[in-house]
Amino acid sequence: LASDNLVRRDTTYEKLAALKPVFDRTYGS
């Protein structure tokens, strides 16, 4: 393993915006 396995090269703003809040599921961001 020669590099970090967390960097998401294929992510987009649209993909990130589609994720749901994790902690405050009603009003959180």
mmCIF file of all heavy atoms, coordinates in Angstrom:
data_MODEL
# 
_entry.id   MODEL 
# 
loop_
_atom_site.group_PDB 
_atom_site.id 
_atom_site.type_symbol 
_atom_site.label_atom_id 
_atom_site.label_alt_id 
_atom_site.label_comp_id 
_atom_site.label_asym_id 
_atom_site.label_entity_id 
_atom_site.label_seq_id 
_atom_site.pdbx_PDB_ins_code 
_atom_site.Cartn_x 
_atom_site.Cartn_y 
_atom_site.Cartn_z 
_atom_site.occupancy 
_atom_site.B_iso_or_equiv 
_atom_site.pdbx_formal_charge 
_atom_site.auth_seq_id 
_atom_site.auth_comp_id 
_atom_site.auth_asym_id 
_atom_site.auth_atom_id 
_atom_site.pdbx_PDB_model_num 
ATOM 1   N N   . LEU A 1 1  ? 0.877   -1.168 0.000  1.00 0.00 ? 1  LEU A N   1 
ATOM 2   C CA  . LEU A 1 1  ? 0.000   0.000  0.000  1.00 0.00 ? 1  LEU A CA  1 
ATOM 3   C C   . LEU A 1 1  ? 0.914   1.217  0.000  1.00 0.00 ? 1  LEU A C   1 
ATOM 4   O O   . LEU A 1 1  ? 1.631   1.467  0.965  1.00 0.00 ? 1  LEU A O   1 
ATOM 5   C CB  . LEU A 1 1  ? -0.907  0.006  1.232  1.00 0.00 ? 1  LEU A CB  1 
ATOM 6   C CG  . LEU A 1 1  ? -1.881  1.198  1.321  1.00 0.00 ? 1  LEU A CG  1 
ATOM 7   C CD1 . LEU A 1 1  ? -2.927  1.114  0.214  1.00 0.00 ? 1  LEU A CD1 1 
ATOM 8   C CD2 . LEU A 1 1  ? -2.557  1.243  2.694  1.00 0.00 ? 1  LEU A CD2 1 
ATOM 9   N N   . ALA A 1 2  ? 0.914   1.972  -1.096 1.00 0.00 ? 2  ALA A N   1 
ATOM 10  C CA  . ALA A 1 2  ? 1.865   3.078  -1.252 1.00 0.00 ? 2  ALA A CA  1 
ATOM 11  C C   . ALA A 1 2  ? 1.194   4.437  -1.242 1.00 0.00 ? 2  ALA A C   1 
ATOM 12  O O   . ALA A 1 2  ? 1.881   5.464  -1.355 1.00 0.00 ? 2  ALA A O   1 
ATOM 13  C CB  . ALA A 1 2  ? 2.650   2.903  -2.556 1.00 0.00 ? 2  ALA A CB  1 
ATOM 14  N N   . SER A 1 3  ? -0.130  4.471  -1.101 1.00 0.00 ? 3  SER A N   1 
ATOM 15  C CA  . SER A 1 3  ? -0.827  5.758  -1.044 1.00 0.00 ? 3  SER A CA  1 
ATOM 16  C C   . SER A 1 3  ? -2.052  5.625  -0.156 1.00 0.00 ? 3  SER A C   1 
ATOM 17  O O   . SER A 1 3  ? -2.493  4.524  0.165  1.00 0.00 ? 3  SER A O   1 
ATOM 18  C CB  . SER A 1 3  ? -1.231  6.218  -2.447 1.00 0.00 ? 3  SER A CB  1 
ATOM 19  O OG  . SER A 1 3  ? -2.137  5.307  -3.028 1.00 0.00 ? 3  SER A OG  1 
ATOM 20  N N   . ASP A 1 4  ? -2.593  6.752  0.246  1.00 0.00 ? 4  ASP A N   1 
ATOM 21  C CA  . ASP A 1 4  ? -3.786  6.749  1.086  1.00 0.00 ? 4  ASP A CA  1 
ATOM 22  C C   . ASP A 1 4  ? -4.957  6.160  0.300  1.00 0.00 ? 4  ASP A C   1 
ATOM 23  O O   . ASP A 1 4  ? -5.097  6.410  -0.900 1.00 0.00 ? 4  ASP A O   1 
ATOM 24  C CB  . ASP A 1 4  ? -4.122  8.176  1.522  1.00 0.00 ? 4  ASP A CB  1 
ATOM 25  C CG  . ASP A 1 4  ? -2.936  8.871  2.178  1.00 0.00 ? 4  ASP A CG  1 
ATOM 26  O OD1 . ASP A 1 4  ? -2.175  8.185  2.873  1.00 0.00 ? 4  ASP A OD1 1 
ATOM 27  O OD2 . ASP A 1 4  ? -2.777  10.087 1.982  1.00 0.00 ? 4  ASP A OD2 1 
ATOM 28  N N   . ASN A 1 5  ? -5.800  5.421  0.989  1.00 0.00 ? 5  ASN A N   1 
ATOM 29  C CA  . ASN A 1 5  ? -6.922  4.803  0.266  1.00 0.00 ? 5  ASN A CA  1 
ATOM 30  C C   . ASN A 1 5  ? -8.232  5.546  0.491  1.00 0.00 ? 5  ASN A C   1 
ATOM 31  O O   . ASN A 1 5  ? -9.308  5.009  0.252  1.00 0.00 ? 5  ASN A O   1 
ATOM 32  C CB  . ASN A 1 5  ? -7.064  3.320  0.629  1.00 0.00 ? 5  ASN A CB  1 
ATOM 33  C CG  . ASN A 1 5  ? -7.582  3.094  2.042  1.00 0.00 ? 5  ASN A CG  1 
ATOM 34  O OD1 . ASN A 1 5  ? -7.863  4.035  2.798  1.00 0.00 ? 5  ASN A OD1 1 
ATOM 35  N ND2 . ASN A 1 5  ? -7.718  1.834  2.424  1.00 0.00 ? 5  ASN A ND2 1 
ATOM 36  N N   . LEU A 1 6  ? -8.126  6.801  0.938  1.00 0.00 ? 6  LEU A N   1 
ATOM 37  C CA  . LEU A 1 6  ? -9.326  7.570  1.241  1.00 0.00 ? 6  LEU A CA  1 
ATOM 38  C C   . LEU A 1 6  ? -9.610  8.671  0.225  1.00 0.00 ? 6  LEU A C   1 
ATOM 39  O O   . LEU A 1 6  ? -10.706 9.226  0.201  1.00 0.00 ? 6  LEU A O   1 
ATOM 40  C CB  . LEU A 1 6  ? -9.206  8.206  2.634  1.00 0.00 ? 6  LEU A CB  1 
ATOM 41  C CG  . LEU A 1 6  ? -8.982  7.214  3.765  1.00 0.00 ? 6  LEU A CG  1 
ATOM 42  C CD1 . LEU A 1 6  ? -7.657  7.482  4.450  1.00 0.00 ? 6  LEU A CD1 1 
ATOM 43  C CD2 . LEU A 1 6  ? -10.102 7.269  4.758  1.00 0.00 ? 6  LEU A CD2 1 
ATOM 44  N N   . VAL A 1 7  ? -8.617  9.028  -0.582 1.00 0.00 ? 7  VAL A N   1 
ATOM 45  C CA  . VAL A 1 7  ? -8.806  10.114 -1.545 1.00 0.00 ? 7  VAL A CA  1 
ATOM 46  C C   . VAL A 1 7  ? -9.771  9.669  -2.632 1.00 0.00 ? 7  VAL A C   1 
ATOM 47  O O   . VAL A 1 7  ? -9.529  8.674  -3.319 1.00 0.00 ? 7  VAL A O   1 
ATOM 48  C CB  . VAL A 1 7  ? -7.456  10.538 -2.167 1.00 0.00 ? 7  VAL A CB  1 
ATOM 49  C CG1 . VAL A 1 7  ? -7.669  11.672 -3.172 1.00 0.00 ? 7  VAL A CG1 1 
ATOM 50  C CG2 . VAL A 1 7  ? -6.487  10.984 -1.074 1.00 0.00 ? 7  VAL A CG2 1 
ATOM 51  N N   . ARG A 1 8  ? -10.860 10.386 -2.797 1.00 0.00 ? 8  ARG A N   1 
ATOM 52  C CA  . ARG A 1 8  ? -11.882 10.030 -3.786 1.00 0.00 ? 8  ARG A CA  1 
ATOM 53  C C   . ARG A 1 8  ? -11.697 10.898 -5.034 1.00 0.00 ? 8  ARG A C   1 
ATOM 54  O O   . ARG A 1 8  ? -12.194 12.024 -5.106 1.00 0.00 ? 8  ARG A O   1 
ATOM 55  C CB  . ARG A 1 8  ? -13.281 10.204 -3.188 1.00 0.00 ? 8  ARG A CB  1 
ATOM 56  C CG  . ARG A 1 8  ? -13.572 9.263  -2.026 1.00 0.00 ? 8  ARG A CG  1 
ATOM 57  C CD  . ARG A 1 8  ? -15.037 9.257  -1.648 1.00 0.00 ? 8  ARG A CD  1 
ATOM 58  N NE  . ARG A 1 8  ? -15.466 10.517 -1.066 1.00 0.00 ? 8  ARG A NE  1 
ATOM 59  C CZ  . ARG A 1 8  ? -15.359 10.817 0.243  1.00 0.00 ? 8  ARG A CZ  1 
ATOM 60  N NH1 . ARG A 1 8  ? -14.837 9.938  1.077  1.00 0.00 ? 8  ARG A NH1 1 
ATOM 61  N NH2 . ARG A 1 8  ? -15.774 11.972 0.691  1.00 0.00 ? 8  ARG A NH2 1 
ATOM 62  N N   . ARG A 1 9  ? -10.993 10.344 -5.996 1.00 0.00 ? 9  ARG A N   1 
ATOM 63  C CA  . ARG A 1 9  ? -10.696 11.090 -7.222 1.00 0.00 ? 9  ARG A CA  1 
ATOM 64  C C   . ARG A 1 9  ? -11.946 11.328 -8.059 1.00 0.00 ? 9  ARG A C   1 
ATOM 65  O O   . ARG A 1 9  ? -12.005 12.298 -8.831 1.00 0.00 ? 9  ARG A O   1 
ATOM 66  C CB  . ARG A 1 9  ? -9.670  10.328 -8.056 1.00 0.00 ? 9  ARG A CB  1 
ATOM 67  C CG  . ARG A 1 9  ? -8.324  10.193 -7.385 1.00 0.00 ? 9  ARG A CG  1 
ATOM 68  C CD  . ARG A 1 9  ? -7.400  9.283  -8.175 1.00 0.00 ? 9  ARG A CD  1 
ATOM 69  N NE  . ARG A 1 9  ? -6.085  9.222  -7.564 1.00 0.00 ? 9  ARG A NE  1 
ATOM 70  C CZ  . ARG A 1 9  ? -5.129  10.116 -7.766 1.00 0.00 ? 9  ARG A CZ  1 
ATOM 71  N NH1 . ARG A 1 9  ? -5.346  11.127 -8.598 1.00 0.00 ? 9  ARG A NH1 1 
ATOM 72  N NH2 . ARG A 1 9  ? -3.963  9.995  -7.162 1.00 0.00 ? 9  ARG A NH2 1 
ATOM 73  N N   . ASP A 1 10 ? -12.917 10.433 -7.919 1.00 0.00 ? 10 ASP A N   1 
ATOM 74  C CA  . ASP A 1 10 ? -14.097 10.524 -8.778 1.00 0.00 ? 10 ASP A CA  1 
ATOM 75  C C   . ASP A 1 10 ? -15.255 11.257 -8.127 1.00 0.00 ? 10 ASP A C   1 
ATOM 76  O O   . ASP A 1 10 ? -16.349 11.329 -8.704 1.00 0.00 ? 10 ASP A O   1 
ATOM 77  C CB  . ASP A 1 10 ? -14.563 9.120  -9.169 1.00 0.00 ? 10 ASP A CB  1 
ATOM 78  C CG  . ASP A 1 10 ? -14.949 8.275  -7.944 1.00 0.00 ? 10 ASP A CG  1 
ATOM 79  O OD1 . ASP A 1 10 ? -14.589 8.679  -6.813 1.00 0.00 ? 10 ASP A OD1 1 
ATOM 80  O OD2 . ASP A 1 10 ? -15.586 7.220  -8.134 1.00 0.00 ? 10 ASP A OD2 1 
ATOM 81  N N   . THR A 1 11 ? -15.047 11.827 -6.949 1.00 0.00 ? 11 THR A N   1 
ATOM 82  C CA  . THR A 1 11 ? -16.172 12.486 -6.296 1.00 0.00 ? 11 THR A CA  1 
ATOM 83  C C   . THR A 1 11 ? -16.486 13.806 -6.986 1.00 0.00 ? 11 THR A C   1 
ATOM 84  O O   . THR A 1 11 ? -15.634 14.419 -7.642 1.00 0.00 ? 11 THR A O   1 
ATOM 85  C CB  . THR A 1 11 ? -15.892 12.715 -4.802 1.00 0.00 ? 11 THR A CB  1 
ATOM 86  O OG1 . THR A 1 11 ? -17.128 13.044 -4.149 1.00 0.00 ? 11 THR A OG1 1 
ATOM 87  C CG2 . THR A 1 11 ? -14.911 13.861 -4.578 1.00 0.00 ? 11 THR A CG2 1 
ATOM 88  N N   . THR A 1 12 ? -17.706 14.237 -6.845 1.00 0.00 ? 12 THR A N   1 
ATOM 89  C CA  . THR A 1 12 ? -18.165 15.500 -7.415 1.00 0.00 ? 12 THR A CA  1 
ATOM 90  C C   . THR A 1 12 ? -18.993 16.230 -6.373 1.00 0.00 ? 12 THR A C   1 
ATOM 91  O O   . THR A 1 12 ? -19.411 15.641 -5.357 1.00 0.00 ? 12 THR A O   1 
ATOM 92  C CB  . THR A 1 12 ? -19.050 15.259 -8.652 1.00 0.00 ? 12 THR A CB  1 
ATOM 93  O OG1 . THR A 1 12 ? -20.229 14.536 -8.245 1.00 0.00 ? 12 THR A OG1 1 
ATOM 94  C CG2 . THR A 1 12 ? -18.302 14.462 -9.721 1.00 0.00 ? 12 THR A CG2 1 
ATOM 95  N N   . TYR A 1 13 ? -19.251 17.480 -6.630 1.00 0.00 ? 13 TYR A N   1 
ATOM 96  C CA  . TYR A 1 13 ? -20.102 18.224 -5.706 1.00 0.00 ? 13 TYR A CA  1 
ATOM 97  C C   . TYR A 1 13 ? -21.479 17.565 -5.625 1.00 0.00 ? 13 TYR A C   1 
ATOM 98  O O   . TYR A 1 13 ? -22.067 17.449 -4.542 1.00 0.00 ? 13 TYR A O   1 
ATOM 99  C CB  . TYR A 1 13 ? -20.245 19.682 -6.149 1.00 0.00 ? 13 TYR A CB  1 
ATOM 100 C CG  . TYR A 1 13 ? -21.302 20.406 -5.365 1.00 0.00 ? 13 TYR A CG  1 
ATOM 101 C CD1 . TYR A 1 13 ? -21.111 20.742 -4.025 1.00 0.00 ? 13 TYR A CD1 1 
ATOM 102 C CD2 . TYR A 1 13 ? -22.543 20.709 -5.946 1.00 0.00 ? 13 TYR A CD2 1 
ATOM 103 C CE1 . TYR A 1 13 ? -22.107 21.371 -3.291 1.00 0.00 ? 13 TYR A CE1 1 
ATOM 104 C CE2 . TYR A 1 13 ? -23.544 21.333 -5.221 1.00 0.00 ? 13 TYR A CE2 1 
ATOM 105 C CZ  . TYR A 1 13 ? -23.316 21.665 -3.895 1.00 0.00 ? 13 TYR A CZ  1 
ATOM 106 O OH  . TYR A 1 13 ? -24.306 22.266 -3.162 1.00 0.00 ? 13 TYR A OH  1 
ATOM 107 N N   . GLU A 1 14 ? -21.989 17.108 -6.749 1.00 0.00 ? 14 GLU A N   1 
ATOM 108 C CA  . GLU A 1 14 ? -23.312 16.492 -6.768 1.00 0.00 ? 14 GLU A CA  1 
ATOM 109 C C   . GLU A 1 14 ? -23.354 15.228 -5.910 1.00 0.00 ? 14 GLU A C   1 
ATOM 110 O O   . GLU A 1 14 ? -24.334 14.981 -5.190 1.00 0.00 ? 14 GLU A O   1 
ATOM 111 C CB  . GLU A 1 14 ? -23.719 16.164 -8.210 1.00 0.00 ? 14 GLU A CB  1 
ATOM 112 C CG  . GLU A 1 14 ? -24.039 17.376 -9.071 1.00 0.00 ? 14 GLU A CG  1 
ATOM 113 C CD  . GLU A 1 14 ? -22.805 18.180 -9.464 1.00 0.00 ? 14 GLU A CD  1 
ATOM 114 O OE1 . GLU A 1 14 ? -21.685 17.604 -9.453 1.00 0.00 ? 14 GLU A OE1 1 
ATOM 115 O OE2 . GLU A 1 14 ? -22.949 19.380 -9.770 1.00 0.00 ? 14 GLU A OE2 1 
ATOM 116 N N   . LYS A 1 15 ? -22.291 14.434 -5.967 1.00 0.00 ? 15 LYS A N   1 
ATOM 117 C CA  . LYS A 1 15 ? -22.241 13.224 -5.138 1.00 0.00 ? 15 LYS A CA  1 
ATOM 118 C C   . LYS A 1 15 ? -22.198 13.580 -3.653 1.00 0.00 ? 15 LYS A C   1 
ATOM 119 O O   . LYS A 1 15 ? -22.866 12.946 -2.824 1.00 0.00 ? 15 LYS A O   1 
ATOM 120 C CB  . LYS A 1 15 ? -21.022 12.387 -5.504 1.00 0.00 ? 15 LYS A CB  1 
ATOM 121 C CG  . LYS A 1 15 ? -21.115 11.702 -6.860 1.00 0.00 ? 15 LYS A CG  1 
ATOM 122 C CD  . LYS A 1 15 ? -19.864 10.873 -7.132 1.00 0.00 ? 15 LYS A CD  1 
ATOM 123 C CE  . LYS A 1 15 ? -19.954 10.169 -8.478 1.00 0.00 ? 15 LYS A CE  1 
ATOM 124 N NZ  . LYS A 1 15 ? -18.730 9.373  -8.776 1.00 0.00 ? 15 LYS A NZ  1 
ATOM 125 N N   . LEU A 1 16 ? -21.408 14.573 -3.301 1.00 0.00 ? 16 LEU A N   1 
ATOM 126 C CA  . LEU A 1 16 ? -21.310 14.987 -1.897 1.00 0.00 ? 16 LEU A CA  1 
ATOM 127 C C   . LEU A 1 16 ? -22.626 15.583 -1.418 1.00 0.00 ? 16 LEU A C   1 
ATOM 128 O O   . LEU A 1 16 ? -23.058 15.337 -0.284 1.00 0.00 ? 16 LEU A O   1 
ATOM 129 C CB  . LEU A 1 16 ? -20.175 15.999 -1.730 1.00 0.00 ? 16 LEU A CB  1 
ATOM 130 C CG  . LEU A 1 16 ? -18.759 15.441 -1.915 1.00 0.00 ? 16 LEU A CG  1 
ATOM 131 C CD1 . LEU A 1 16 ? -17.736 16.568 -1.993 1.00 0.00 ? 16 LEU A CD1 1 
ATOM 132 C CD2 . LEU A 1 16 ? -18.398 14.491 -0.776 1.00 0.00 ? 16 LEU A CD2 1 
ATOM 133 N N   . ALA A 1 17 ? -23.266 16.358 -2.273 1.00 0.00 ? 17 ALA A N   1 
ATOM 134 C CA  . ALA A 1 17 ? -24.521 17.007 -1.892 1.00 0.00 ? 17 ALA A CA  1 
ATOM 135 C C   . ALA A 1 17 ? -25.654 16.001 -1.704 1.00 0.00 ? 17 ALA A C   1 
ATOM 136 O O   . ALA A 1 17 ? -26.644 16.293 -1.022 1.00 0.00 ? 17 ALA A O   1 
ATOM 137 C CB  . ALA A 1 17 ? -24.910 18.041 -2.946 1.00 0.00 ? 17 ALA A CB  1 
ATOM 138 N N   . ALA A 1 18 ? -25.516 14.809 -2.301 1.00 0.00 ? 18 ALA A N   1 
ATOM 139 C CA  . ALA A 1 18 ? -26.569 13.794 -2.200 1.00 0.00 ? 18 ALA A CA  1 
ATOM 140 C C   . ALA A 1 18 ? -26.519 13.012 -0.890 1.00 0.00 ? 18 ALA A C   1 
ATOM 141 O O   . ALA A 1 18 ? -27.470 12.297 -0.558 1.00 0.00 ? 18 ALA A O   1 
ATOM 142 C CB  . ALA A 1 18 ? -26.471 12.829 -3.379 1.00 0.00 ? 18 ALA A CB  1 
ATOM 143 N N   . LEU A 1 19 ? -25.424 13.134 -0.159 1.00 0.00 ? 19 LEU A N   1 
ATOM 144 C CA  . LEU A 1 19 ? -25.287 12.394 1.101  1.00 0.00 ? 19 LEU A CA  1 
ATOM 145 C C   . LEU A 1 19 ? -26.176 12.989 2.186  1.00 0.00 ? 19 LEU A C   1 
ATOM 146 O O   . LEU A 1 19 ? -26.371 14.202 2.256  1.00 0.00 ? 19 LEU A O   1 
ATOM 147 C CB  . LEU A 1 19 ? -23.822 12.408 1.559  1.00 0.00 ? 19 LEU A CB  1 
ATOM 148 C CG  . LEU A 1 19 ? -22.819 11.736 0.616  1.00 0.00 ? 19 LEU A CG  1 
ATOM 149 C CD1 . LEU A 1 19 ? -21.400 11.944 1.121  1.00 0.00 ? 19 LEU A CD1 1 
ATOM 150 C CD2 . LEU A 1 19 ? -23.128 10.245 0.493  1.00 0.00 ? 19 LEU A CD2 1 
ATOM 151 N N   . LYS A 1 20 ? -26.671 12.123 3.054  1.00 0.00 ? 20 LYS A N   1 
ATOM 152 C CA  . LYS A 1 20 ? -27.556 12.577 4.116  1.00 0.00 ? 20 LYS A CA  1 
ATOM 153 C C   . LYS A 1 20 ? -26.758 12.926 5.377  1.00 0.00 ? 20 LYS A C   1 
ATOM 154 O O   . LYS A 1 20 ? -25.710 12.337 5.640  1.00 0.00 ? 20 LYS A O   1 
ATOM 155 C CB  . LYS A 1 20 ? -28.587 11.490 4.442  1.00 0.00 ? 20 LYS A CB  1 
ATOM 156 C CG  . LYS A 1 20 ? -29.556 11.212 3.291  1.00 0.00 ? 20 LYS A CG  1 
ATOM 157 C CD  . LYS A 1 20 ? -30.581 10.169 3.688  1.00 0.00 ? 20 LYS A CD  1 
ATOM 158 C CE  . LYS A 1 20 ? -31.568 9.929  2.547  1.00 0.00 ? 20 LYS A CE  1 
ATOM 159 N NZ  . LYS A 1 20 ? -32.587 8.912  2.916  1.00 0.00 ? 20 LYS A NZ  1 
ATOM 160 N N   . PRO A 1 21 ? -27.243 13.875 6.174  1.00 0.00 ? 21 PRO A N   1 
ATOM 161 C CA  . PRO A 1 21 ? -26.583 14.209 7.434  1.00 0.00 ? 21 PRO A CA  1 
ATOM 162 C C   . PRO A 1 21 ? -26.470 12.988 8.337  1.00 0.00 ? 21 PRO A C   1 
ATOM 163 O O   . PRO A 1 21 ? -27.358 12.135 8.351  1.00 0.00 ? 21 PRO A O   1 
ATOM 164 C CB  . PRO A 1 21 ? -27.501 15.273 8.050  1.00 0.00 ? 21 PRO A CB  1 
ATOM 165 C CG  . PRO A 1 21 ? -28.234 15.857 6.878  1.00 0.00 ? 21 PRO A CG  1 
ATOM 166 C CD  . PRO A 1 21 ? -28.419 14.724 5.918  1.00 0.00 ? 21 PRO A CD  1 
ATOM 167 N N   . VAL A 1 22 ? -25.375 12.904 9.069  1.00 0.00 ? 22 VAL A N   1 
ATOM 168 C CA  . VAL A 1 22 ? -25.096 11.723 9.885  1.00 0.00 ? 22 VAL A CA  1 
ATOM 169 C C   . VAL A 1 22 ? -25.464 11.939 11.348 1.00 0.00 ? 22 VAL A C   1 
ATOM 170 O O   . VAL A 1 22 ? -25.966 11.026 12.005 1.00 0.00 ? 22 VAL A O   1 
ATOM 171 C CB  . VAL A 1 22 ? -23.597 11.357 9.780  1.00 0.00 ? 22 VAL A CB  1 
ATOM 172 C CG1 . VAL A 1 22 ? -23.250 10.217 10.720 1.00 0.00 ? 22 VAL A CG1 1 
ATOM 173 C CG2 . VAL A 1 22 ? -23.243 10.976 8.349  1.00 0.00 ? 22 VAL A CG2 1 
ATOM 174 N N   . PHE A 1 23 ? -25.237 13.120 11.865 1.00 0.00 ? 23 PHE A N   1 
ATOM 175 C CA  . PHE A 1 23 ? -25.391 13.330 13.310 1.00 0.00 ? 23 PHE A CA  1 
ATOM 176 C C   . PHE A 1 23 ? -26.748 13.929 13.655 1.00 0.00 ? 23 PHE A C   1 
ATOM 177 O O   . PHE A 1 23 ? -27.512 13.350 14.423 1.00 0.00 ? 23 PHE A O   1 
ATOM 178 C CB  . PHE A 1 23 ? -24.243 14.213 13.813 1.00 0.00 ? 23 PHE A CB  1 
ATOM 179 C CG  . PHE A 1 23 ? -22.894 13.608 13.548 1.00 0.00 ? 23 PHE A CG  1 
ATOM 180 C CD1 . PHE A 1 23 ? -22.144 13.981 12.440 1.00 0.00 ? 23 PHE A CD1 1 
ATOM 181 C CD2 . PHE A 1 23 ? -22.382 12.622 14.376 1.00 0.00 ? 23 PHE A CD2 1 
ATOM 182 C CE1 . PHE A 1 23 ? -20.910 13.413 12.179 1.00 0.00 ? 23 PHE A CE1 1 
ATOM 183 C CE2 . PHE A 1 23 ? -21.151 12.037 14.122 1.00 0.00 ? 23 PHE A CE2 1 
ATOM 184 C CZ  . PHE A 1 23 ? -20.420 12.431 13.009 1.00 0.00 ? 23 PHE A CZ  1 
ATOM 185 N N   . ASP A 1 24 ? -27.061 15.086 13.114 1.00 0.00 ? 24 ASP A N   1 
ATOM 186 C CA  . ASP A 1 24 ? -28.389 15.659 13.271 1.00 0.00 ? 24 ASP A CA  1 
ATOM 187 C C   . ASP A 1 24 ? -29.128 15.376 11.963 1.00 0.00 ? 24 ASP A C   1 
ATOM 188 O O   . ASP A 1 24 ? -29.003 16.114 10.984 1.00 0.00 ? 24 ASP A O   1 
ATOM 189 C CB  . ASP A 1 24 ? -28.289 17.168 13.523 1.00 0.00 ? 24 ASP A CB  1 
ATOM 190 C CG  . ASP A 1 24 ? -29.653 17.821 13.737 1.00 0.00 ? 24 ASP A CG  1 
ATOM 191 O OD1 . ASP A 1 24 ? -30.671 17.183 13.404 1.00 0.00 ? 24 ASP A OD1 1 
ATOM 192 O OD2 . ASP A 1 24 ? -29.690 18.965 14.214 1.00 0.00 ? 24 ASP A OD2 1 
ATOM 193 N N   . ARG A 1 25 ? -29.868 14.295 11.942 1.00 0.00 ? 25 ARG A N   1 
ATOM 194 C CA  . ARG A 1 25 ? -30.463 13.819 10.696 1.00 0.00 ? 25 ARG A CA  1 
ATOM 195 C C   . ARG A 1 25 ? -31.598 14.709 10.187 1.00 0.00 ? 25 ARG A C   1 
ATOM 196 O O   . ARG A 1 25 ? -31.984 14.632 9.022  1.00 0.00 ? 25 ARG A O   1 
ATOM 197 C CB  . ARG A 1 25 ? -30.965 12.382 10.876 1.00 0.00 ? 25 ARG A CB  1 
ATOM 198 C CG  . ARG A 1 25 ? -29.842 11.400 11.195 1.00 0.00 ? 25 ARG A CG  1 
ATOM 199 C CD  . ARG A 1 25 ? -30.358 9.986  11.375 1.00 0.00 ? 25 ARG A CD  1 
ATOM 200 N NE  . ARG A 1 25 ? -29.291 9.082  11.778 1.00 0.00 ? 25 ARG A NE  1 
ATOM 201 C CZ  . ARG A 1 25 ? -28.468 8.460  10.945 1.00 0.00 ? 25 ARG A CZ  1 
ATOM 202 N NH1 . ARG A 1 25 ? -28.603 8.653  9.645  1.00 0.00 ? 25 ARG A NH1 1 
ATOM 203 N NH2 . ARG A 1 25 ? -27.531 7.650  11.398 1.00 0.00 ? 25 ARG A NH2 1 
ATOM 204 N N   . THR A 1 26 ? -32.119 15.554 11.050 1.00 0.00 ? 26 THR A N   1 
ATOM 205 C CA  . THR A 1 26 ? -33.230 16.418 10.647 1.00 0.00 ? 26 THR A CA  1 
ATOM 206 C C   . THR A 1 26 ? -32.757 17.805 10.214 1.00 0.00 ? 26 THR A C   1 
ATOM 207 O O   . THR A 1 26 ? -33.142 18.297 9.149  1.00 0.00 ? 26 THR A O   1 
ATOM 208 C CB  . THR A 1 26 ? -34.238 16.565 11.801 1.00 0.00 ? 26 THR A CB  1 
ATOM 209 O OG1 . THR A 1 26 ? -34.680 15.271 12.212 1.00 0.00 ? 26 THR A OG1 1 
ATOM 210 C CG2 . THR A 1 26 ? -35.444 17.394 11.357 1.00 0.00 ? 26 THR A CG2 1 
ATOM 211 N N   . TYR A 1 27 ? -31.918 18.411 11.023 1.00 0.00 ? 27 TYR A N   1 
ATOM 212 C CA  . TYR A 1 27 ? -31.503 19.788 10.742 1.00 0.00 ? 27 TYR A CA  1 
ATOM 213 C C   . TYR A 1 27 ? -29.995 19.924 10.474 1.00 0.00 ? 27 TYR A C   1 
ATOM 214 O O   . TYR A 1 27 ? -29.506 21.027 10.240 1.00 0.00 ? 27 TYR A O   1 
ATOM 215 C CB  . TYR A 1 27 ? -31.864 20.694 11.929 1.00 0.00 ? 27 TYR A CB  1 
ATOM 216 C CG  . TYR A 1 27 ? -33.329 20.664 12.276 1.00 0.00 ? 27 TYR A CG  1 
ATOM 217 C CD1 . TYR A 1 27 ? -33.783 20.014 13.417 1.00 0.00 ? 27 TYR A CD1 1 
ATOM 218 C CD2 . TYR A 1 27 ? -34.269 21.286 11.460 1.00 0.00 ? 27 TYR A CD2 1 
ATOM 219 C CE1 . TYR A 1 27 ? -35.134 19.978 13.745 1.00 0.00 ? 27 TYR A CE1 1 
ATOM 220 C CE2 . TYR A 1 27 ? -35.628 21.268 11.777 1.00 0.00 ? 27 TYR A CE2 1 
ATOM 221 C CZ  . TYR A 1 27 ? -36.044 20.609 12.924 1.00 0.00 ? 27 TYR A CZ  1 
ATOM 222 O OH  . TYR A 1 27 ? -37.385 20.589 13.236 1.00 0.00 ? 27 TYR A OH  1 
ATOM 223 N N   . GLY A 1 28 ? -29.256 18.825 10.507 1.00 0.00 ? 28 GLY A N   1 
ATOM 224 C CA  . GLY A 1 28 ? -27.808 18.907 10.399 1.00 0.00 ? 28 GLY A CA  1 
ATOM 225 C C   . GLY A 1 28 ? -27.302 19.061 8.980  1.00 0.00 ? 28 GLY A C   1 
ATOM 226 O O   . GLY A 1 28 ? -28.034 18.897 7.997  1.00 0.00 ? 28 GLY A O   1 
ATOM 227 N N   . SER A 1 29 ? -26.000 19.369 8.876  1.00 0.00 ? 29 SER A N   1 
ATOM 228 C CA  . SER A 1 29 ? -25.356 19.531 7.568  1.00 0.00 ? 29 SER A CA  1 
ATOM 229 C C   . SER A 1 29 ? -24.048 18.760 7.479  1.00 0.00 ? 29 SER A C   1 
ATOM 230 O O   . SER A 1 29 ? -23.398 18.771 6.436  1.00 0.00 ? 29 SER A O   1 
ATOM 231 C CB  . SER A 1 29 ? -25.096 21.020 7.298  1.00 0.00 ? 29 SER A CB  1 
ATOM 232 O OG  . SER A 1 29 ? -24.327 21.598 8.340  1.00 0.00 ? 29 SER A OG  1 
# 
